Each structure stands twice: as structure tokens, then as C-alpha cells.
N, C-alpha and C. Protein backbone atom coordinates (compact mmCIF):
# COMPACT_ATOMS: atom_id res chain seq x y z
N MET A 1 0.85 -1.20 0.00
CA MET A 1 0.00 0.00 0.00
C MET A 1 0.88 1.24 0.00
N SER A 2 0.62 2.17 -0.90
CA SER A 2 1.42 3.38 -0.97
C SER A 2 1.05 4.32 0.16
N ARG A 3 2.00 5.10 0.60
CA ARG A 3 1.79 6.02 1.70
C ARG A 3 1.41 7.38 1.16
N THR A 4 0.34 7.96 1.72
CA THR A 4 -0.11 9.28 1.30
C THR A 4 0.75 10.35 1.97
N VAL A 5 1.23 11.29 1.16
CA VAL A 5 2.05 12.36 1.69
C VAL A 5 1.14 13.48 2.17
N SER A 6 1.31 13.89 3.43
CA SER A 6 0.45 14.92 4.00
C SER A 6 0.83 16.29 3.47
N GLY A 7 -0.09 17.24 3.67
CA GLY A 7 0.19 18.62 3.26
C GLY A 7 1.40 19.18 3.99
N ALA A 8 1.55 18.81 5.27
CA ALA A 8 2.69 19.30 6.04
C ALA A 8 3.99 18.74 5.51
N GLU A 9 4.00 17.45 5.17
CA GLU A 9 5.22 16.83 4.63
C GLU A 9 5.58 17.44 3.27
N SER A 10 4.55 17.64 2.44
CA SER A 10 4.78 18.25 1.12
C SER A 10 5.33 19.67 1.27
N SER A 11 4.76 20.43 2.21
CA SER A 11 5.23 21.80 2.45
C SER A 11 6.64 21.80 3.00
N ALA A 12 6.94 20.84 3.89
CA ALA A 12 8.29 20.75 4.45
C ALA A 12 9.30 20.43 3.36
N THR A 13 8.91 19.55 2.43
CA THR A 13 9.80 19.21 1.33
C THR A 13 10.09 20.44 0.47
N ARG A 14 9.05 21.23 0.18
CA ARG A 14 9.25 22.44 -0.63
C ARG A 14 10.13 23.45 0.09
N LEU A 15 9.89 23.62 1.39
CA LEU A 15 10.70 24.56 2.16
C LEU A 15 12.14 24.07 2.29
N ARG A 16 12.32 22.76 2.43
CA ARG A 16 13.66 22.19 2.52
C ARG A 16 14.44 22.48 1.24
N THR A 17 13.76 22.35 0.10
CA THR A 17 14.40 22.65 -1.19
C THR A 17 14.75 24.13 -1.30
N MET A 18 13.85 24.99 -0.84
CA MET A 18 14.10 26.43 -0.90
C MET A 18 15.28 26.82 -0.01
N ILE A 19 15.36 26.21 1.17
CA ILE A 19 16.48 26.49 2.07
C ILE A 19 17.79 26.00 1.44
N ALA A 20 17.74 24.79 0.89
CA ALA A 20 18.94 24.21 0.28
C ALA A 20 19.41 25.03 -0.92
N SER A 21 18.47 25.65 -1.61
CA SER A 21 18.81 26.45 -2.80
C SER A 21 19.29 27.85 -2.44
N GLY A 22 19.26 28.18 -1.16
CA GLY A 22 19.73 29.49 -0.75
C GLY A 22 18.68 30.57 -0.80
N ASP A 23 17.39 30.19 -0.98
CA ASP A 23 16.34 31.20 -1.00
C ASP A 23 16.18 31.86 0.36
N PHE A 24 16.52 31.12 1.41
CA PHE A 24 16.49 31.67 2.77
C PHE A 24 17.86 31.45 3.39
N ALA A 25 18.56 32.52 3.64
CA ALA A 25 19.89 32.42 4.23
C ALA A 25 19.78 32.02 5.70
N PRO A 26 20.82 31.40 6.25
CA PRO A 26 20.83 31.10 7.69
C PRO A 26 20.56 32.37 8.49
N GLY A 27 19.67 32.26 9.49
CA GLY A 27 19.30 33.41 10.30
C GLY A 27 18.06 34.12 9.83
N THR A 28 17.53 33.76 8.65
CA THR A 28 16.35 34.40 8.11
C THR A 28 15.10 33.97 8.88
N GLN A 29 14.25 34.93 9.21
CA GLN A 29 12.98 34.59 9.83
C GLN A 29 11.99 34.16 8.75
N LEU A 30 11.25 33.09 9.02
CA LEU A 30 10.27 32.57 8.07
C LEU A 30 8.89 33.10 8.46
N SER A 31 8.28 33.85 7.56
CA SER A 31 6.99 34.47 7.82
C SER A 31 5.85 33.49 7.58
N GLU A 32 5.05 33.25 8.61
CA GLU A 32 3.89 32.36 8.46
C GLU A 32 2.92 32.90 7.43
N GLU A 33 2.63 34.19 7.51
CA GLU A 33 1.64 34.78 6.62
C GLU A 33 2.07 34.66 5.16
N ARG A 34 3.30 35.06 4.89
CA ARG A 34 3.76 35.05 3.50
C ARG A 34 3.89 33.63 2.96
N LEU A 35 4.44 32.73 3.77
CA LEU A 35 4.67 31.37 3.28
C LEU A 35 3.37 30.57 3.16
N SER A 36 2.40 30.81 4.04
CA SER A 36 1.13 30.09 3.90
C SER A 36 0.45 30.49 2.60
N ASP A 37 0.57 31.79 2.22
CA ASP A 37 0.02 32.23 0.93
C ASP A 37 0.83 31.66 -0.23
N GLN A 38 2.15 31.70 -0.11
CA GLN A 38 3.02 31.24 -1.20
C GLN A 38 2.86 29.74 -1.47
N LEU A 39 2.72 28.97 -0.40
CA LEU A 39 2.61 27.51 -0.55
C LEU A 39 1.16 27.05 -0.70
N GLY A 40 0.22 27.96 -0.45
CA GLY A 40 -1.19 27.60 -0.58
C GLY A 40 -1.67 26.63 0.47
N VAL A 41 -1.19 26.81 1.70
CA VAL A 41 -1.59 25.92 2.80
C VAL A 41 -2.03 26.76 3.99
N SER A 42 -2.73 26.11 4.91
CA SER A 42 -3.17 26.81 6.11
C SER A 42 -1.98 27.06 7.04
N ARG A 43 -2.18 27.95 7.98
CA ARG A 43 -1.10 28.21 8.94
C ARG A 43 -0.85 27.00 9.82
N ASN A 44 -1.90 26.26 10.13
CA ASN A 44 -1.70 25.05 10.94
C ASN A 44 -0.84 24.04 10.20
N THR A 45 -1.09 23.88 8.90
CA THR A 45 -0.27 22.97 8.09
C THR A 45 1.16 23.47 8.04
N LEU A 46 1.33 24.76 7.87
CA LEU A 46 2.68 25.33 7.80
C LEU A 46 3.42 25.13 9.12
N ARG A 47 2.71 25.30 10.24
CA ARG A 47 3.35 25.10 11.55
C ARG A 47 3.82 23.66 11.72
N GLU A 48 3.02 22.71 11.20
CA GLU A 48 3.45 21.32 11.26
C GLU A 48 4.67 21.09 10.37
N ALA A 49 4.70 21.78 9.22
CA ALA A 49 5.88 21.68 8.34
C ALA A 49 7.11 22.24 9.06
N PHE A 50 6.93 23.35 9.77
CA PHE A 50 8.04 23.91 10.55
C PHE A 50 8.53 22.91 11.59
N ARG A 51 7.57 22.20 12.20
CA ARG A 51 7.95 21.21 13.22
C ARG A 51 8.82 20.12 12.59
N LEU A 52 8.45 19.68 11.39
CA LEU A 52 9.23 18.66 10.69
C LEU A 52 10.63 19.17 10.35
N LEU A 53 10.72 20.43 9.94
CA LEU A 53 12.02 21.00 9.61
C LEU A 53 12.87 21.20 10.87
N ALA A 54 12.22 21.52 11.98
CA ALA A 54 12.96 21.66 13.24
C ALA A 54 13.51 20.32 13.68
N ARG A 55 12.74 19.24 13.43
CA ARG A 55 13.22 17.89 13.75
C ARG A 55 14.47 17.57 12.94
N ASP A 56 14.52 18.08 11.71
CA ASP A 56 15.69 17.88 10.85
C ASP A 56 16.80 18.89 11.12
N ARG A 57 16.58 19.76 12.10
CA ARG A 57 17.57 20.76 12.53
C ARG A 57 17.86 21.79 11.43
N LEU A 58 16.85 22.06 10.61
CA LEU A 58 17.02 23.07 9.56
C LEU A 58 16.46 24.43 9.99
N VAL A 59 15.50 24.42 10.91
CA VAL A 59 14.97 25.68 11.44
C VAL A 59 14.92 25.56 12.95
N GLU A 60 14.71 26.70 13.60
CA GLU A 60 14.58 26.70 15.05
C GLU A 60 13.50 27.68 15.46
N HIS A 61 12.76 27.34 16.51
CA HIS A 61 11.75 28.22 17.06
C HIS A 61 12.39 29.06 18.16
N VAL A 62 12.29 30.37 18.03
CA VAL A 62 12.81 31.28 19.04
C VAL A 62 11.62 31.86 19.80
N PHE A 63 11.60 31.66 21.09
CA PHE A 63 10.46 32.06 21.92
C PHE A 63 10.12 33.53 21.74
N ASN A 64 8.84 33.78 21.47
CA ASN A 64 8.29 35.14 21.29
C ASN A 64 8.85 35.87 20.07
N ARG A 65 9.54 35.17 19.21
CA ARG A 65 10.08 35.82 18.00
C ARG A 65 9.63 35.13 16.72
N GLY A 66 9.62 33.81 16.69
CA GLY A 66 9.18 33.12 15.50
C GLY A 66 10.11 32.00 15.10
N VAL A 67 10.04 31.63 13.82
CA VAL A 67 10.81 30.51 13.28
C VAL A 67 11.91 31.06 12.37
N PHE A 68 13.11 30.57 12.56
CA PHE A 68 14.27 31.06 11.82
C PHE A 68 15.02 29.88 11.20
N VAL A 69 15.60 30.12 10.03
CA VAL A 69 16.52 29.16 9.45
C VAL A 69 17.74 29.08 10.36
N ARG A 70 18.15 27.86 10.69
CA ARG A 70 19.27 27.71 11.63
C ARG A 70 20.56 28.25 11.06
N ARG A 71 21.33 28.85 11.93
CA ARG A 71 22.69 29.27 11.61
C ARG A 71 23.62 28.31 12.34
N LEU A 72 24.36 27.50 11.60
CA LEU A 72 25.19 26.49 12.23
C LEU A 72 26.38 27.12 12.95
N SER A 73 26.68 26.59 14.11
CA SER A 73 27.86 27.00 14.85
C SER A 73 29.04 26.14 14.43
N ALA A 74 30.23 26.54 14.86
CA ALA A 74 31.41 25.72 14.59
C ALA A 74 31.25 24.34 15.23
N ALA A 75 30.61 24.29 16.40
CA ALA A 75 30.38 23.01 17.07
C ALA A 75 29.46 22.12 16.25
N ASP A 76 28.45 22.73 15.60
CA ASP A 76 27.57 21.96 14.72
C ASP A 76 28.36 21.33 13.58
N VAL A 77 29.26 22.12 13.00
CA VAL A 77 30.07 21.63 11.88
C VAL A 77 30.94 20.45 12.32
N VAL A 78 31.56 20.59 13.48
CA VAL A 78 32.39 19.50 14.01
C VAL A 78 31.55 18.24 14.21
N ASP A 79 30.36 18.40 14.77
CA ASP A 79 29.47 17.27 15.01
C ASP A 79 29.06 16.60 13.70
N LEU A 80 28.69 17.41 12.71
CA LEU A 80 28.29 16.87 11.41
C LEU A 80 29.41 16.04 10.78
N TYR A 81 30.61 16.58 10.82
CA TYR A 81 31.72 15.87 10.18
C TYR A 81 32.13 14.63 10.96
N ALA A 82 31.95 14.63 12.27
CA ALA A 82 32.23 13.42 13.04
C ALA A 82 31.30 12.29 12.59
N ALA A 83 30.02 12.63 12.38
CA ALA A 83 29.06 11.63 11.92
C ALA A 83 29.35 11.21 10.49
N ARG A 84 29.70 12.17 9.64
CA ARG A 84 29.98 11.84 8.24
C ARG A 84 31.18 10.91 8.12
N ARG A 85 32.19 11.12 8.94
CA ARG A 85 33.37 10.25 8.86
C ARG A 85 33.00 8.79 9.12
N VAL A 86 32.15 8.56 10.10
CA VAL A 86 31.75 7.19 10.41
C VAL A 86 30.99 6.57 9.23
N LEU A 87 29.99 7.29 8.71
CA LEU A 87 29.14 6.74 7.66
C LEU A 87 29.89 6.59 6.34
N GLU A 88 30.68 7.59 5.98
CA GLU A 88 31.33 7.53 4.67
C GLU A 88 32.52 6.57 4.67
N ALA A 89 33.18 6.43 5.79
CA ALA A 89 34.25 5.44 5.86
C ALA A 89 33.67 4.04 5.69
N ALA A 90 32.53 3.79 6.32
CA ALA A 90 31.86 2.49 6.15
C ALA A 90 31.48 2.27 4.70
N ALA A 91 31.04 3.34 4.04
CA ALA A 91 30.63 3.24 2.64
C ALA A 91 31.81 2.88 1.74
N VAL A 92 32.94 3.50 1.97
CA VAL A 92 34.12 3.23 1.15
C VAL A 92 34.52 1.76 1.25
N TRP A 93 34.49 1.23 2.46
CA TRP A 93 34.92 -0.16 2.63
C TRP A 93 33.86 -1.15 2.15
N ALA A 94 32.62 -0.69 2.01
CA ALA A 94 31.55 -1.56 1.49
C ALA A 94 31.44 -1.50 -0.03
N CYS A 95 32.06 -0.49 -0.63
CA CYS A 95 31.91 -0.25 -2.07
C CYS A 95 32.78 -1.19 -2.89
N THR A 96 32.23 -1.69 -3.99
CA THR A 96 32.99 -2.52 -4.93
C THR A 96 32.98 -1.84 -6.29
N PRO A 97 33.90 -2.22 -7.17
CA PRO A 97 33.93 -1.59 -8.50
C PRO A 97 32.62 -1.74 -9.27
N SER A 98 31.85 -2.78 -8.98
CA SER A 98 30.60 -3.00 -9.70
C SER A 98 29.38 -2.46 -8.96
N SER A 99 29.60 -1.79 -7.85
CA SER A 99 28.48 -1.30 -7.04
C SER A 99 27.69 -0.22 -7.78
N PRO A 100 26.36 -0.33 -7.81
CA PRO A 100 25.55 0.75 -8.40
C PRO A 100 25.78 2.09 -7.71
N ALA A 101 26.10 2.05 -6.42
CA ALA A 101 26.37 3.28 -5.69
C ALA A 101 27.57 4.01 -6.29
N LEU A 102 28.57 3.26 -6.71
CA LEU A 102 29.76 3.88 -7.29
C LEU A 102 29.43 4.51 -8.64
N ALA A 103 28.60 3.82 -9.43
CA ALA A 103 28.19 4.39 -10.72
C ALA A 103 27.43 5.70 -10.51
N ASP A 104 26.56 5.76 -9.50
CA ASP A 104 25.82 6.99 -9.21
C ASP A 104 26.75 8.09 -8.73
N ALA A 105 27.74 7.73 -7.91
CA ALA A 105 28.70 8.71 -7.42
C ALA A 105 29.52 9.28 -8.57
N ALA A 106 29.92 8.42 -9.51
CA ALA A 106 30.68 8.88 -10.67
C ALA A 106 29.85 9.82 -11.53
N SER A 107 28.57 9.53 -11.67
CA SER A 107 27.67 10.39 -12.43
C SER A 107 27.57 11.77 -11.78
N ALA A 108 27.54 11.79 -10.45
CA ALA A 108 27.48 13.06 -9.72
C ALA A 108 28.75 13.88 -9.95
N VAL A 109 29.90 13.22 -10.01
CA VAL A 109 31.15 13.92 -10.29
C VAL A 109 31.10 14.55 -11.69
N SER A 110 30.57 13.83 -12.65
CA SER A 110 30.46 14.38 -14.01
C SER A 110 29.55 15.60 -14.02
N GLU A 111 28.46 15.54 -13.27
CA GLU A 111 27.56 16.69 -13.18
C GLU A 111 28.29 17.89 -12.56
N ALA A 112 29.05 17.63 -11.52
CA ALA A 112 29.77 18.71 -10.84
C ALA A 112 30.79 19.36 -11.77
N ARG A 113 31.50 18.53 -12.53
CA ARG A 113 32.51 19.07 -13.44
C ARG A 113 31.85 19.93 -14.52
N ALA A 114 30.73 19.49 -15.06
CA ALA A 114 30.02 20.26 -16.08
C ALA A 114 29.51 21.58 -15.51
N ALA A 115 28.98 21.55 -14.29
CA ALA A 115 28.48 22.77 -13.67
C ALA A 115 29.62 23.73 -13.34
N ALA A 116 30.76 23.20 -12.90
CA ALA A 116 31.92 24.05 -12.59
C ALA A 116 32.41 24.76 -13.84
N ALA A 117 32.33 24.09 -14.99
CA ALA A 117 32.80 24.68 -16.24
C ALA A 117 31.99 25.91 -16.63
N THR A 118 30.73 25.98 -16.16
CA THR A 118 29.88 27.14 -16.47
C THR A 118 29.79 28.11 -15.30
N GLY A 119 30.50 27.80 -14.21
CA GLY A 119 30.48 28.69 -13.05
C GLY A 119 29.21 28.60 -12.23
N ASP A 120 28.46 27.52 -12.39
CA ASP A 120 27.21 27.34 -11.64
C ASP A 120 27.54 26.64 -10.32
N TRP A 121 27.97 27.42 -9.34
CA TRP A 121 28.48 26.82 -8.10
C TRP A 121 27.38 26.23 -7.24
N ARG A 122 26.17 26.76 -7.37
CA ARG A 122 25.06 26.14 -6.64
C ARG A 122 24.85 24.71 -7.14
N ALA A 123 24.91 24.54 -8.47
CA ALA A 123 24.76 23.20 -9.05
C ALA A 123 25.93 22.29 -8.67
N VAL A 124 27.13 22.88 -8.56
CA VAL A 124 28.28 22.09 -8.11
C VAL A 124 28.04 21.58 -6.69
N GLY A 125 27.53 22.46 -5.84
CA GLY A 125 27.22 22.05 -4.47
C GLY A 125 26.17 20.95 -4.42
N THR A 126 25.16 21.06 -5.28
CA THR A 126 24.12 20.03 -5.34
C THR A 126 24.71 18.70 -5.79
N ALA A 127 25.60 18.75 -6.78
CA ALA A 127 26.23 17.52 -7.26
C ALA A 127 27.15 16.92 -6.20
N ASP A 128 27.81 17.77 -5.43
CA ASP A 128 28.67 17.27 -4.36
C ASP A 128 27.85 16.54 -3.30
N ILE A 129 26.70 17.13 -2.94
CA ILE A 129 25.79 16.47 -2.00
C ILE A 129 25.35 15.12 -2.56
N ARG A 130 25.02 15.10 -3.85
CA ARG A 130 24.58 13.85 -4.48
C ARG A 130 25.70 12.81 -4.47
N PHE A 131 26.93 13.25 -4.68
CA PHE A 131 28.06 12.32 -4.65
C PHE A 131 28.14 11.59 -3.32
N HIS A 132 28.09 12.35 -2.24
CA HIS A 132 28.25 11.74 -0.92
C HIS A 132 27.04 10.90 -0.53
N ALA A 133 25.85 11.35 -0.93
CA ALA A 133 24.65 10.55 -0.68
C ALA A 133 24.72 9.23 -1.44
N ALA A 134 25.17 9.29 -2.69
CA ALA A 134 25.29 8.08 -3.51
C ALA A 134 26.31 7.12 -2.92
N LEU A 135 27.43 7.66 -2.46
CA LEU A 135 28.50 6.82 -1.92
C LEU A 135 27.99 5.99 -0.74
N VAL A 136 27.21 6.62 0.12
CA VAL A 136 26.71 5.93 1.31
C VAL A 136 25.72 4.83 0.95
N ARG A 137 25.13 4.90 -0.26
CA ARG A 137 24.23 3.84 -0.69
C ARG A 137 24.96 2.51 -0.90
N ALA A 138 26.27 2.52 -0.84
CA ALA A 138 27.02 1.27 -0.92
C ALA A 138 26.81 0.42 0.34
N VAL A 139 26.40 1.06 1.43
CA VAL A 139 26.07 0.33 2.66
C VAL A 139 24.61 -0.13 2.56
N PRO A 140 24.34 -1.41 2.69
CA PRO A 140 22.97 -1.92 2.48
C PRO A 140 22.05 -1.69 3.68
N SER A 141 21.78 -0.41 3.98
CA SER A 141 20.92 -0.10 5.11
C SER A 141 20.15 1.19 4.83
N GLU A 142 18.83 1.08 4.71
CA GLU A 142 18.03 2.27 4.46
C GLU A 142 18.07 3.23 5.64
N ARG A 143 18.26 2.72 6.84
CA ARG A 143 18.36 3.60 8.00
C ARG A 143 19.61 4.49 7.89
N ILE A 144 20.70 3.91 7.44
CA ILE A 144 21.92 4.69 7.27
C ILE A 144 21.75 5.70 6.15
N TRP A 145 21.07 5.30 5.06
CA TRP A 145 20.82 6.25 3.97
C TRP A 145 20.04 7.46 4.49
N GLY A 146 18.99 7.19 5.29
CA GLY A 146 18.18 8.28 5.82
C GLY A 146 18.97 9.18 6.74
N LEU A 147 19.83 8.58 7.56
CA LEU A 147 20.67 9.36 8.45
C LEU A 147 21.60 10.27 7.65
N MET A 148 22.22 9.72 6.61
CA MET A 148 23.13 10.50 5.79
C MET A 148 22.39 11.63 5.07
N ASP A 149 21.21 11.35 4.57
CA ASP A 149 20.45 12.39 3.89
C ASP A 149 20.14 13.55 4.83
N GLY A 150 19.83 13.22 6.09
CA GLY A 150 19.58 14.27 7.07
C GLY A 150 20.81 15.10 7.35
N LEU A 151 21.96 14.44 7.46
CA LEU A 151 23.21 15.17 7.67
C LEU A 151 23.52 16.09 6.50
N LEU A 152 23.28 15.60 5.30
CA LEU A 152 23.60 16.40 4.12
C LEU A 152 22.65 17.59 3.96
N ALA A 153 21.42 17.43 4.44
CA ALA A 153 20.51 18.59 4.42
C ALA A 153 21.05 19.69 5.32
N GLU A 154 21.56 19.29 6.48
CA GLU A 154 22.19 20.29 7.36
C GLU A 154 23.45 20.88 6.73
N MET A 155 24.17 20.06 5.98
CA MET A 155 25.39 20.57 5.35
C MET A 155 25.10 21.74 4.43
N ARG A 156 23.91 21.75 3.82
CA ARG A 156 23.54 22.87 2.96
C ARG A 156 23.61 24.19 3.73
N LEU A 157 23.19 24.16 4.99
CA LEU A 157 23.25 25.37 5.81
C LEU A 157 24.69 25.81 6.02
N ALA A 158 25.57 24.84 6.18
CA ALA A 158 26.99 25.16 6.35
C ALA A 158 27.56 25.75 5.06
N PHE A 159 27.18 25.19 3.90
CA PHE A 159 27.67 25.72 2.63
C PHE A 159 27.27 27.19 2.46
N LEU A 160 26.06 27.53 2.94
CA LEU A 160 25.55 28.89 2.74
C LEU A 160 26.30 29.93 3.57
N THR A 161 27.14 29.47 4.50
CA THR A 161 27.90 30.43 5.31
C THR A 161 29.20 30.87 4.63
N THR A 162 29.57 30.18 3.55
CA THR A 162 30.84 30.51 2.90
C THR A 162 30.71 31.77 2.07
N ASP A 163 31.71 32.64 2.14
CA ASP A 163 31.69 33.88 1.37
C ASP A 163 31.88 33.63 -0.12
N ASP A 164 32.63 32.60 -0.45
CA ASP A 164 32.95 32.32 -1.85
C ASP A 164 32.68 30.84 -2.13
N PRO A 165 31.41 30.49 -2.43
CA PRO A 165 31.10 29.07 -2.66
C PRO A 165 31.88 28.48 -3.83
N GLY A 166 32.25 29.31 -4.79
CA GLY A 166 33.01 28.81 -5.93
C GLY A 166 34.34 28.24 -5.51
N SER A 167 35.08 28.99 -4.72
CA SER A 167 36.40 28.52 -4.30
C SER A 167 36.28 27.32 -3.36
N PHE A 168 35.17 27.27 -2.60
CA PHE A 168 34.99 26.13 -1.69
C PHE A 168 34.73 24.85 -2.48
N HIS A 169 33.77 24.90 -3.41
CA HIS A 169 33.36 23.69 -4.12
C HIS A 169 34.35 23.27 -5.21
N ALA A 170 34.98 24.26 -5.83
CA ALA A 170 35.81 23.94 -7.00
C ALA A 170 36.90 22.93 -6.68
N GLY A 171 37.54 23.08 -5.54
CA GLY A 171 38.66 22.21 -5.20
C GLY A 171 38.28 20.78 -4.92
N PHE A 172 36.99 20.53 -4.65
CA PHE A 172 36.58 19.19 -4.27
C PHE A 172 36.10 18.34 -5.44
N VAL A 173 35.90 18.96 -6.61
CA VAL A 173 35.45 18.18 -7.76
C VAL A 173 36.49 17.13 -8.14
N GLU A 174 37.74 17.56 -8.28
CA GLU A 174 38.80 16.61 -8.63
C GLU A 174 39.04 15.60 -7.52
N ARG A 175 38.84 16.00 -6.30
CA ARG A 175 39.07 15.07 -5.19
C ARG A 175 38.00 13.98 -5.17
N ASN A 176 36.76 14.36 -5.47
CA ASN A 176 35.72 13.33 -5.60
C ASN A 176 36.04 12.38 -6.74
N GLU A 177 36.55 12.94 -7.83
CA GLU A 177 36.91 12.13 -8.98
C GLU A 177 38.02 11.14 -8.63
N ALA A 178 38.96 11.57 -7.81
CA ALA A 178 40.05 10.69 -7.39
C ALA A 178 39.54 9.55 -6.50
N ILE A 179 38.55 9.85 -5.66
CA ILE A 179 37.95 8.81 -4.82
C ILE A 179 37.27 7.77 -5.70
N VAL A 180 36.54 8.24 -6.71
CA VAL A 180 35.88 7.31 -7.64
C VAL A 180 36.91 6.44 -8.35
N ALA A 181 38.01 7.05 -8.82
CA ALA A 181 39.04 6.30 -9.53
C ALA A 181 39.64 5.21 -8.64
N ALA A 182 39.90 5.53 -7.38
CA ALA A 182 40.46 4.55 -6.46
C ALA A 182 39.49 3.39 -6.22
N LEU A 183 38.21 3.71 -6.08
CA LEU A 183 37.22 2.66 -5.85
C LEU A 183 37.02 1.79 -7.09
N ARG A 184 37.08 2.40 -8.26
CA ARG A 184 36.99 1.61 -9.50
C ARG A 184 38.16 0.65 -9.62
N ALA A 185 39.32 1.05 -9.07
CA ALA A 185 40.50 0.18 -9.08
C ALA A 185 40.50 -0.81 -7.92
N ASP A 186 39.41 -0.78 -7.13
CA ASP A 186 39.26 -1.66 -5.96
C ASP A 186 40.34 -1.39 -4.92
N ASP A 187 40.77 -0.12 -4.86
CA ASP A 187 41.78 0.29 -3.88
C ASP A 187 41.09 1.09 -2.78
N ARG A 188 40.47 0.35 -1.87
CA ARG A 188 39.69 1.00 -0.82
C ARG A 188 40.56 1.79 0.16
N ALA A 189 41.76 1.30 0.41
CA ALA A 189 42.64 2.01 1.35
C ALA A 189 42.96 3.41 0.84
N THR A 190 43.28 3.52 -0.45
CA THR A 190 43.56 4.85 -1.02
C THR A 190 42.31 5.70 -1.00
N ALA A 191 41.17 5.12 -1.37
CA ALA A 191 39.92 5.88 -1.35
C ALA A 191 39.61 6.39 0.05
N ALA A 192 39.83 5.55 1.06
CA ALA A 192 39.57 5.96 2.44
C ALA A 192 40.47 7.11 2.85
N ALA A 193 41.75 7.04 2.45
CA ALA A 193 42.69 8.11 2.79
C ALA A 193 42.31 9.42 2.09
N LEU A 194 41.93 9.33 0.83
CA LEU A 194 41.51 10.52 0.08
C LEU A 194 40.26 11.13 0.71
N LEU A 195 39.32 10.29 1.08
CA LEU A 195 38.09 10.77 1.70
C LEU A 195 38.38 11.44 3.04
N ALA A 196 39.25 10.85 3.84
CA ALA A 196 39.59 11.42 5.14
C ALA A 196 40.20 12.81 4.99
N ASP A 197 41.11 12.96 4.02
CA ASP A 197 41.72 14.27 3.78
C ASP A 197 40.67 15.28 3.31
N TYR A 198 39.79 14.83 2.44
CA TYR A 198 38.71 15.67 1.93
C TYR A 198 37.87 16.20 3.09
N LEU A 199 37.40 15.30 3.95
CA LEU A 199 36.53 15.70 5.04
C LEU A 199 37.25 16.60 6.03
N ASP A 200 38.52 16.34 6.29
CA ASP A 200 39.29 17.21 7.19
C ASP A 200 39.37 18.63 6.64
N ASP A 201 39.68 18.76 5.36
CA ASP A 201 39.83 20.09 4.76
C ASP A 201 38.49 20.82 4.69
N ALA A 202 37.43 20.10 4.32
CA ALA A 202 36.11 20.72 4.24
C ALA A 202 35.64 21.18 5.62
N GLU A 203 35.85 20.35 6.62
CA GLU A 203 35.45 20.73 7.98
C GLU A 203 36.19 21.98 8.44
N ARG A 204 37.48 22.02 8.17
CA ARG A 204 38.28 23.17 8.59
C ARG A 204 37.75 24.47 7.96
N THR A 205 37.44 24.41 6.68
CA THR A 205 36.95 25.59 5.97
C THR A 205 35.59 26.03 6.51
N LEU A 206 34.68 25.09 6.67
CA LEU A 206 33.33 25.44 7.11
C LEU A 206 33.29 25.82 8.59
N ARG A 207 34.18 25.28 9.37
CA ARG A 207 34.24 25.66 10.79
C ARG A 207 34.70 27.11 10.90
N SER A 208 35.66 27.51 10.08
CA SER A 208 36.11 28.90 10.09
C SER A 208 34.99 29.84 9.62
N ALA A 209 34.26 29.40 8.58
CA ALA A 209 33.15 30.22 8.08
C ALA A 209 32.07 30.38 9.12
N ALA A 210 31.78 29.31 9.86
CA ALA A 210 30.75 29.37 10.91
C ALA A 210 31.19 30.31 12.03
N ASP A 211 32.46 30.27 12.39
CA ASP A 211 32.99 31.18 13.41
C ASP A 211 32.87 32.64 12.96
N ALA A 212 33.18 32.89 11.69
CA ALA A 212 33.15 34.25 11.17
C ALA A 212 31.74 34.78 11.07
N ALA A 213 30.77 33.90 10.88
CA ALA A 213 29.37 34.33 10.71
C ALA A 213 28.71 34.64 12.03
N ARG A 214 29.29 34.23 13.12
CA ARG A 214 28.68 34.44 14.43
C ARG A 214 28.85 35.89 14.89
């Protein structure tokens, strides 16, 4: 039996996409009146959508002020990357050259390279998110996939704190490509080392950006 998607879930999905696309910067207050009109839903439905987004740590309710897009702290960034290291390291060691997850990750790298060539850094960021989500699909657990997807949704908030998304994303396209090449060669140790360096450098950059935004 198929599951019916509620109005609140549908609205949360639309708002999640808008936040990820940068339509609402971290720290932005979300207007109930404007968004209920824009999304064509009641305020009660919108409030339930906000609750779902708060569960995903994308928004926060501030007492007597309203709902705001979360602004990640440096501690949030550290926490996110600690979780990512566990999940993505497991994915690398579970991945085989014939894994469908690897084919999807390689496709995401190609998308990122094409977007970088046109200077579409938002699309590069989207492709980077897709790369890491695809990689984790090498682990045969839907619970882990869901956990990773939630982490990557939060990562969008961290990306939005960078002053120059182009310089941030550009350097990681080739590094993702190198991880794919190592996995295609069935060299998991090299892929794991490349991934560890990647995550260390990305965390360092985003932690500094989060500190500067405070």
C-alpha cells in the first residue's frame, strides 16, 4: 500500500528545497503569513511543516520571536563531520567496482565538473551532495541512507555560510573524482585516505566560516 504524503510533509519538502537552494539564508525569519500564501496551505499545516524542519535541525523556534533558518555553529560543523566520517568510511569499505552506488557517485562527479565549467556553483554544491549521498548507498541499510540524507541537508546550511562558494566547491570536484578512480580500481585504502583528507579540509573551511558568521 502506498503512503499518502500529507500537506505538512509536502510543504516541508518544498521549504527544505528552498532552504537548500539558498532562497532563505541562515538566520532568516520565516513568515507564516507570506509562506502560507506562497505555498497555498493553512497556517496550521505550515506550523506542522516547521515542526518537521525543526526535527531535521534546519529551522529553530525562538520564543516570542518566530521561526528562523538555523545558523550552524562551529560546534555543529564539528558534530556533522564526526558523523559523516563514520558513515562515509563504512561506505568506502563496502563499495565494490561494480556497485551501483559507485556508478551513481561517478555520475554526480560528471555533473559537478560540467556545472563548474559554467560557473554554476550552486549546481556544483548540489552535485557534491549527491556524490556523498550516492556513496553511502554502498552500505545496504536504508536507516543509514536516511541518516546521511539528514546530515547532508544540514550541510547545505553550512555551505551557505561561505563567502565564496566557488572557491569552496571547485577544489573538491577533482578530489571526488580521485575517490571514484580509487574505488573503481578496488583500492579502498587509497579511497579511504583521500576521503579522510577531503573531510578534514572541508570541515576546517566550514568551521572557520561558521565562526566568522557568528
